[in-house]
Amino acid sequence: MADDSYESILCVKPEVHVYRIPPRATNRGYRAADWKLDEPAWSGRMKITAKAKIAYIKLEDKNTGELFAQAPVEQYPGSVVEAVTDSSRYFVIRIEDGNGRHAFIGIGFADRGDSFDFNVALQDHFKWVKQESEFAKQEASQSAAPKLDLGFKEGQTIKISLGNIKKKEAAGAAKSRPGAGGLLPPPPGAKGGILPPPGTMPPHQNPPAAAPAQPNPGLLLDLARPAGPTQPSQDLWGDFTAAGSGATQEPVKSGWVQF
C-alpha cells in the first residue's frame, strides 16, 4: 500500500477552460450546448494528483501555479466527475473549498486527446486502488486462518524403506557391466591371452615381442656330425660309364678298348 503522506502526479494538461453551468432541469444529464462555450469563466492548467486512495483534480494558474479550485475524487465513475451527454471534451466536476462548501462547474479541453488522457488517468488510479484492496483482503484472510503445522513433534520419527532402491541399483550395475574392463571375452578355441584394444597401451611401453623360435635338436645333431671320407671307386672309368649308361651302347668291336 502506498504511503498516505506521499502525493504523486498522474496527469498534467497545460490548458483547460472553466464554465458556469445552469442548474440541471432533468435527470438526463448535462449538455455542453447549454453552456456559453465562447465565454469561459476561467482558463488555466489542470493537474491530477493522487494521495493514498484519493485523486485530486487541481485547477492552477498557468504562470504562478496558484490554486484556483480542486475536486477530491474518491470514486470514478461517480458523482464528483460526470461526462456530458453531447460531447467527449467536456465534463462536470464538483469542487470543494475545504470548509464543507461545494459547487458544480463545467470544464472543457480544446483537444480531444487531452480529454482522453484525463479520463484514462482517473480510470488507472482507481483500478490500482481496487487491486490494492483485494490484496489487503487476501492478506487479512490468510493471517486469520489457522496455520498448518507440518513440523515434527517432540519424539516423533518416521521410517523410510530403501529396499527397492538397493535392488534397482544392483540391477543397473549388472546391466552396465557386460565384461571385465568393457572388453568382450575371446571366441571359443582362441589361443593366447586377450590383447588390449589399440590406443589403450601406455606410450612408454612397446607391444610384446614374439617369442624366439626354439632350435630343433635333430637338426643340430645332423649338422654337428662330420661326413665320412669318400671311398675312391675301384673302377676308374666307372663314373664315365655310369654317366653314359643311359645312352644306347653299340656292340664293342674286338680289338678296341672300351671307353
Protein backbone atom coordinates (compact mmCIF):
# COMPACT_ATOMS: atom_id res chain seq x y z
CA MET A 1 0.00 0.00 0.00
CA ALA A 2 1.26 3.48 -0.89
CA ASP A 3 2.37 5.92 1.79
CA ASP A 4 -0.51 8.22 2.88
CA SER A 5 1.81 11.22 3.06
CA TYR A 6 3.14 10.83 -0.49
CA GLU A 7 1.37 12.67 -3.31
CA SER A 8 2.04 11.52 -6.88
CA ILE A 9 1.21 13.32 -10.13
CA LEU A 10 -0.98 11.34 -12.51
CA CYS A 11 -1.60 13.80 -15.35
CA VAL A 12 -0.91 17.45 -16.28
CA LYS A 13 -2.69 19.38 -19.03
CA PRO A 14 -1.46 22.92 -19.82
CA GLU A 15 -4.83 24.33 -20.91
CA VAL A 16 -8.33 23.82 -19.57
CA HIS A 17 -11.41 26.08 -19.56
CA VAL A 18 -13.94 26.52 -16.75
CA TYR A 19 -17.63 27.30 -17.41
CA ARG A 20 -20.56 28.29 -15.26
CA ILE A 21 -23.33 25.81 -15.81
CA PRO A 22 -27.06 26.30 -15.35
CA PRO A 23 -28.93 24.09 -12.91
CA ARG A 24 -29.86 20.75 -14.29
CA ALA A 25 -33.54 20.68 -15.08
CA THR A 26 -33.89 16.93 -15.68
CA ASN A 27 -32.07 13.72 -14.76
CA ARG A 28 -30.96 13.07 -18.32
CA GLY A 29 -27.55 14.65 -17.70
CA TYR A 30 -25.66 17.82 -18.60
CA ARG A 31 -25.31 19.15 -22.13
CA ALA A 32 -22.34 21.29 -23.17
CA ALA A 33 -24.51 23.01 -25.75
CA ASP A 34 -26.35 24.77 -22.89
CA TRP A 35 -23.12 26.46 -21.74
CA LYS A 36 -21.57 29.62 -23.10
CA LEU A 37 -18.59 27.82 -24.67
CA ASP A 38 -17.22 31.01 -26.27
CA GLU A 39 -17.12 32.79 -22.88
CA PRO A 40 -15.22 30.62 -20.34
CA ALA A 41 -15.25 31.89 -16.75
CA TRP A 42 -11.58 30.92 -16.21
CA SER A 43 -8.68 29.34 -18.14
CA GLY A 44 -5.55 27.77 -16.72
CA ARG A 45 -3.71 24.50 -16.09
CA MET A 46 -5.11 21.25 -14.78
CA LYS A 47 -3.16 18.73 -12.68
CA ILE A 48 -4.37 15.37 -11.37
CA THR A 49 -2.59 14.08 -8.28
CA ALA A 50 -3.10 11.07 -6.02
CA LYS A 51 -2.59 10.74 -2.29
CA ALA A 52 -3.29 7.23 -0.99
CA LYS A 53 -6.68 6.22 -2.42
CA ILE A 54 -7.96 9.71 -3.22
CA ALA A 55 -7.32 11.55 -6.50
CA TYR A 56 -7.37 15.36 -6.70
CA ILE A 57 -8.30 17.42 -9.75
CA LYS A 58 -6.49 20.74 -9.28
CA LEU A 59 -7.04 23.87 -11.36
CA GLU A 60 -3.97 26.14 -11.15
CA ASP A 61 -2.77 29.37 -12.67
CA LYS A 62 -0.52 28.78 -15.70
CA ASN A 63 2.16 31.23 -14.59
CA THR A 64 2.18 31.28 -10.80
CA GLY A 65 0.75 27.82 -10.02
CA GLU A 66 -1.75 29.37 -7.59
CA LEU A 67 -4.63 27.02 -6.83
CA PHE A 68 -7.95 28.15 -8.25
CA ALA A 69 -10.11 25.18 -7.22
CA GLN A 70 -9.80 21.44 -6.58
CA ALA A 71 -12.11 18.44 -6.60
CA PRO A 72 -11.30 15.41 -4.39
CA VAL A 73 -12.31 12.19 -6.17
CA GLU A 74 -12.88 9.08 -4.07
CA GLN A 75 -14.61 7.01 -6.75
CA TYR A 76 -14.66 7.01 -10.53
CA PRO A 77 -17.04 6.94 -12.27
CA GLY A 78 -19.10 8.71 -9.64
CA SER A 79 -20.90 11.88 -8.70
CA VAL A 80 -17.72 14.01 -8.48
CA VAL A 81 -16.83 13.69 -12.20
CA GLU A 82 -19.56 13.32 -14.80
CA ALA A 83 -19.27 13.44 -18.59
CA VAL A 84 -21.76 15.49 -20.63
CA THR A 85 -24.17 13.74 -22.98
CA ASP A 86 -23.35 15.63 -26.19
CA SER A 87 -19.51 15.78 -26.27
CA SER A 88 -16.41 13.85 -25.16
CA ARG A 89 -14.37 17.01 -24.42
CA TYR A 90 -16.47 18.41 -21.58
CA PHE A 91 -17.11 17.27 -18.01
CA VAL A 92 -18.89 18.47 -14.88
CA ILE A 93 -16.88 18.28 -11.62
CA ARG A 94 -17.75 19.05 -8.03
CA ILE A 95 -15.21 21.37 -6.37
CA GLU A 96 -14.76 21.91 -2.62
CA ASP A 97 -13.20 24.75 -0.65
CA GLY A 98 -12.17 22.71 2.38
CA ASN A 99 -14.80 24.27 4.64
CA GLY A 100 -17.64 21.95 3.65
CA ARG A 101 -18.92 24.04 0.77
CA HIS A 102 -19.02 22.66 -2.75
CA ALA A 103 -20.17 23.73 -6.23
CA PHE A 104 -20.55 22.20 -9.70
CA ILE A 105 -18.61 23.69 -12.59
CA GLY A 106 -18.03 22.67 -16.18
CA ILE A 107 -14.54 22.05 -17.62
CA GLY A 108 -13.56 21.55 -21.24
CA PHE A 109 -10.46 20.78 -23.32
CA ALA A 110 -9.62 22.23 -26.71
CA ASP A 111 -8.02 18.94 -27.83
CA ARG A 112 -9.88 15.64 -27.78
CA GLY A 113 -6.65 13.82 -26.82
CA ASP A 114 -6.41 15.87 -23.59
CA SER A 115 -9.88 14.76 -22.54
CA PHE A 116 -8.93 11.13 -23.28
CA ASP A 117 -5.82 11.40 -21.07
CA PHE A 118 -7.91 12.97 -18.30
CA ASN A 119 -10.34 10.06 -18.37
CA VAL A 120 -7.65 7.33 -18.53
CA ALA A 121 -5.63 8.82 -15.64
CA LEU A 122 -8.62 8.57 -13.31
CA GLN A 123 -9.51 5.05 -14.50
CA ASP A 124 -5.97 3.71 -13.97
CA HIS A 125 -5.74 5.16 -10.47
CA PHE A 126 -8.96 3.61 -9.23
CA LYS A 127 -8.14 0.31 -10.90
CA TRP A 128 -4.97 0.28 -8.82
CA VAL A 129 -6.98 1.16 -5.69
CA LYS A 130 -9.28 -1.80 -6.32
CA GLN A 131 -6.35 -4.21 -6.71
CA GLU A 132 -4.73 -2.96 -3.51
CA SER A 133 -7.99 -3.50 -1.63
CA GLU A 134 -8.24 -7.09 -2.91
CA PHE A 135 -4.65 -7.81 -1.88
CA ALA A 136 -5.33 -6.43 1.60
CA LYS A 137 -8.39 -8.66 1.96
CA GLN A 138 -6.40 -11.74 0.91
CA GLU A 139 -3.65 -11.00 3.40
CA ALA A 140 -6.20 -10.49 6.16
CA SER A 141 -7.93 -13.78 5.39
CA GLN A 142 -4.62 -15.65 5.28
CA SER A 143 -3.46 -14.20 8.59
CA ALA A 144 -6.80 -15.05 10.24
CA ALA A 145 -6.78 -18.67 9.03
CA PRO A 146 -5.04 -21.21 11.28
CA LYS A 147 -1.57 -22.07 10.10
CA LEU A 148 -0.83 -25.66 9.19
CA ASP A 149 1.98 -27.02 11.35
CA LEU A 150 3.98 -29.60 9.39
CA GLY A 151 6.88 -29.80 11.84
CA PHE A 152 7.82 -32.92 13.83
CA LYS A 153 6.57 -33.14 17.33
CA GLU A 154 8.94 -33.99 20.13
CA GLY A 155 9.90 -37.66 19.92
CA GLN A 156 8.14 -38.20 16.60
CA THR A 157 10.07 -40.19 13.99
CA ILE A 158 9.46 -41.55 10.52
CA LYS A 159 10.66 -44.73 8.83
CA ILE A 160 11.81 -44.88 5.21
CA SER A 161 12.35 -48.20 3.41
CA LEU A 162 15.13 -48.22 0.83
CA GLY A 163 14.96 -51.93 -0.17
CA ASN A 164 13.65 -51.34 -3.66
CA ILE A 165 16.33 -48.72 -4.31
CA LYS A 166 19.12 -51.19 -3.50
CA LYS A 167 17.66 -53.81 -5.84
CA LYS A 168 17.39 -51.27 -8.66
CA GLU A 169 20.99 -50.15 -8.12
CA ALA A 170 22.25 -53.76 -8.21
CA ALA A 171 20.31 -54.48 -11.40
CA GLY A 172 21.61 -51.31 -13.02
CA ALA A 173 25.21 -52.20 -12.10
CA ALA A 174 24.83 -55.67 -13.62
CA LYS A 175 23.46 -54.26 -16.86
CA SER A 176 26.27 -51.72 -17.16
CA ARG A 177 28.98 -54.42 -16.71
CA PRO A 178 28.96 -56.64 -19.89
CA GLY A 179 32.61 -57.74 -19.43
CA ALA A 180 35.73 -57.01 -17.44
CA GLY A 181 37.10 -53.66 -18.37
CA GLY A 182 34.48 -53.22 -21.09
CA LEU A 183 36.10 -55.96 -23.31
CA LEU A 184 34.29 -58.90 -24.84
CA PRO A 185 35.55 -62.44 -23.97
CA PRO A 186 37.62 -64.27 -26.65
CA PRO A 187 35.81 -66.63 -29.01
CA PRO A 188 35.84 -70.32 -28.12
CA GLY A 189 39.02 -72.13 -29.14
CA ALA A 190 41.14 -68.99 -29.35
CA LYS A 191 44.73 -69.34 -28.07
CA GLY A 192 46.69 -66.84 -26.12
CA GLY A 193 45.60 -64.04 -23.88
CA ILE A 194 43.46 -61.04 -24.68
CA LEU A 195 45.40 -58.19 -26.19
CA PRO A 196 44.37 -54.73 -25.10
CA PRO A 197 42.50 -52.65 -27.68
CA PRO A 198 44.61 -50.28 -29.79
CA GLY A 199 45.22 -46.93 -28.20
CA THR A 200 44.91 -48.20 -24.60
CA MET A 201 48.57 -49.21 -24.19
CA PRO A 202 50.70 -46.61 -22.35
CA PRO A 203 53.01 -44.67 -24.68
CA HIS A 204 56.20 -45.76 -22.87
CA GLN A 205 55.52 -49.48 -23.42
CA ASN A 206 56.14 -51.37 -26.65
CA PRO A 207 53.92 -54.17 -27.92
CA PRO A 208 55.00 -57.60 -26.61
CA ALA A 209 57.66 -59.14 -28.88
CA ALA A 210 57.14 -62.57 -30.38
CA ALA A 211 58.96 -65.42 -28.60
CA PRO A 212 62.14 -66.59 -30.43
CA ALA A 213 61.84 -69.87 -32.28
CA GLN A 214 63.30 -72.84 -30.40
CA PRO A 215 66.05 -74.77 -32.37
CA ASN A 216 65.30 -78.32 -33.41
CA PRO A 217 67.75 -80.70 -31.63
CA GLY A 218 67.64 -83.14 -34.51
CA LEU A 219 68.82 -80.54 -36.99
CA LEU A 220 71.70 -79.56 -34.73
CA LEU A 221 72.77 -83.14 -34.38
CA ASP A 222 72.82 -83.62 -38.15
CA LEU A 223 74.92 -80.51 -38.64
CA ALA A 224 77.38 -81.47 -35.90
CA ARG A 225 78.02 -84.98 -37.27
CA PRO A 226 81.00 -84.86 -39.74
CA ALA A 227 80.59 -86.52 -43.04
CA GLY A 228 82.71 -89.67 -43.67
CA PRO A 229 85.54 -89.72 -46.24
CA THR A 230 84.53 -90.58 -49.73
CA GLN A 231 85.76 -94.00 -50.80
CA PRO A 232 87.57 -93.95 -54.12
CA SER A 233 85.96 -96.00 -56.81
CA GLN A 234 87.76 -99.21 -57.81
CA ASP A 235 86.84 -98.65 -61.39
CA LEU A 236 88.48 -95.54 -62.74
CA TRP A 237 86.17 -95.47 -65.70
CA GLY A 238 83.08 -96.32 -63.74
CA ASP A 239 81.87 -92.73 -63.37
CA PHE A 240 82.10 -92.11 -67.03
CA THR A 241 80.47 -95.42 -67.73
CA ALA A 242 77.67 -94.57 -65.29
CA ALA A 243 77.22 -91.16 -66.84
CA GLY A 244 76.67 -92.68 -70.20
CA SER A 245 74.76 -95.71 -69.06
CA GLY A 246 71.51 -94.14 -70.21
CA ALA A 247 72.67 -93.88 -73.84
CA THR A 248 72.38 -96.69 -76.38
CA GLN A 249 75.58 -98.64 -76.48
CA GLU A 250 76.81 -100.13 -79.67
CA PRO A 251 78.41 -103.55 -79.64
CA VAL A 252 82.14 -103.35 -78.88
CA LYS A 253 84.30 -104.47 -81.64
CA SER A 254 87.06 -106.76 -80.80
CA GLY A 255 90.47 -105.25 -80.55
CA TRP A 256 89.32 -101.88 -79.16
CA VAL A 257 89.35 -100.78 -75.60
CA GLN A 258 86.00 -99.86 -74.26
CA PHE A 259 85.73 -96.28 -73.14
